[in-house]
Amino acid sequence: MKAIRFDHAGGPEVLKLDDIELAPPAAGQVRVKHTAIGLNFIDTYHRSGLYPVPLPSGLGLEAAGVIDALGDGVSGLKTGDRVGYCTGPIGAYAEANNIPADRVVKLPDGISDEVAAASMLKGMTAEYLLRRTFSVQRAQTIVFHAAAGGVGLIACQLARHLGATVIGTVGSDDKVELAKRHGCAHVLNTHHDDWAKEVRDLTGGEGVPVVYDGVGKTTWNGSLDCLAVRGMMVSFGNASGAVPAFDPAVLSAKGSLYLTRPTLFHYVQTRAELQQAADDLFAVIASGAVQISINQRFKLADARAAHEALHSRATTGATVLLP
């Protein structure tokens, strides 16, 4: 089958389309023939070496498709079932992948393969961030960075659905209206030096109880500056680079702040947690409260171009690769 592989860490240029042999699914696994593959920022961390993986390696954690083979001992699933997965193992950038049966979820009739591949990792990330890392309450005002990105467009809609007022941030003025259409009451450009002050102004000087920051290095200081006393900094990504080392005393000086660095994988460790997160996501999509914007589609063979577009911040919403 065709699969994207890389044998050393680096930029998008290290990605190559290869012909590989996929072994039959082992005991407890199913083979998923992919119809759509999700592109996520964590893929760039694996490719670049920020999150090291054994090399040579495939890439990608998320895809949707149809089960076409079962390993020994698998129950509750059958060939022909439409399923999706988003927690790996790595290797989704391929025509098929073998996945532990307890890591796939069946797709409801109202959720297309492309929507599943575009939304599961991003949407379940939004779900755990807003409902479990910091439980957003009605009438709260929050800050969500990269509001026009894949996670941001889903999370801001979900936050609005929960009754929050969302201050979203974007990296360019041409993304402002997109963010407003997807849940943001206010949208600020982080390339303007006074964006953190604008958050204070919008909250009467009080600041916000939580900032969700998947950008990292370039927004770190501003994010701390716009938090209310005892506010929580949720640092869940490094799109602009890793956050530099800092003195924990900064957290006390700025108002006894809390800091957490969560990851989806620790919130869907059990089969029950995974299924509940997927059920919650699919329910808000089906209700229309959250709409999934697939704004870019690339052929699997063009994964390098997809990564280049992601790095240049030329993408909005979700991107899928098509085998």
Foldseek 3Di string as FASTA:
>chain_A
DWFWKAFDADALVRTAIDDDDDDAAAAQKFKFQFFWAFDDPVQNCPRNVVPDDDPGDTTGFKTWGFTQHHHPPDPPDDGGFTKMAGGDDGTRLGRMDIDRPLRIDTDDPVADRHNRNFDQQLQLVLVCVCPPPPPQAAAFEEEEEQLQAANNLQNLLVNVVRHYAYEYEHQDPVCFVVSVVRHHPHYYHLVDVCPLVVQCVVVVNQAGQEYAAAQAASCVVSRLQRHGAQHEYEHAHHLPHHHDDDDPVVCVVSHVYHYDHDHSCVQCVGSVSSVVSVVVSVVCCVVVSHDADAPEEEESRVVSVVSVCVSVVVDGHIYMYGD
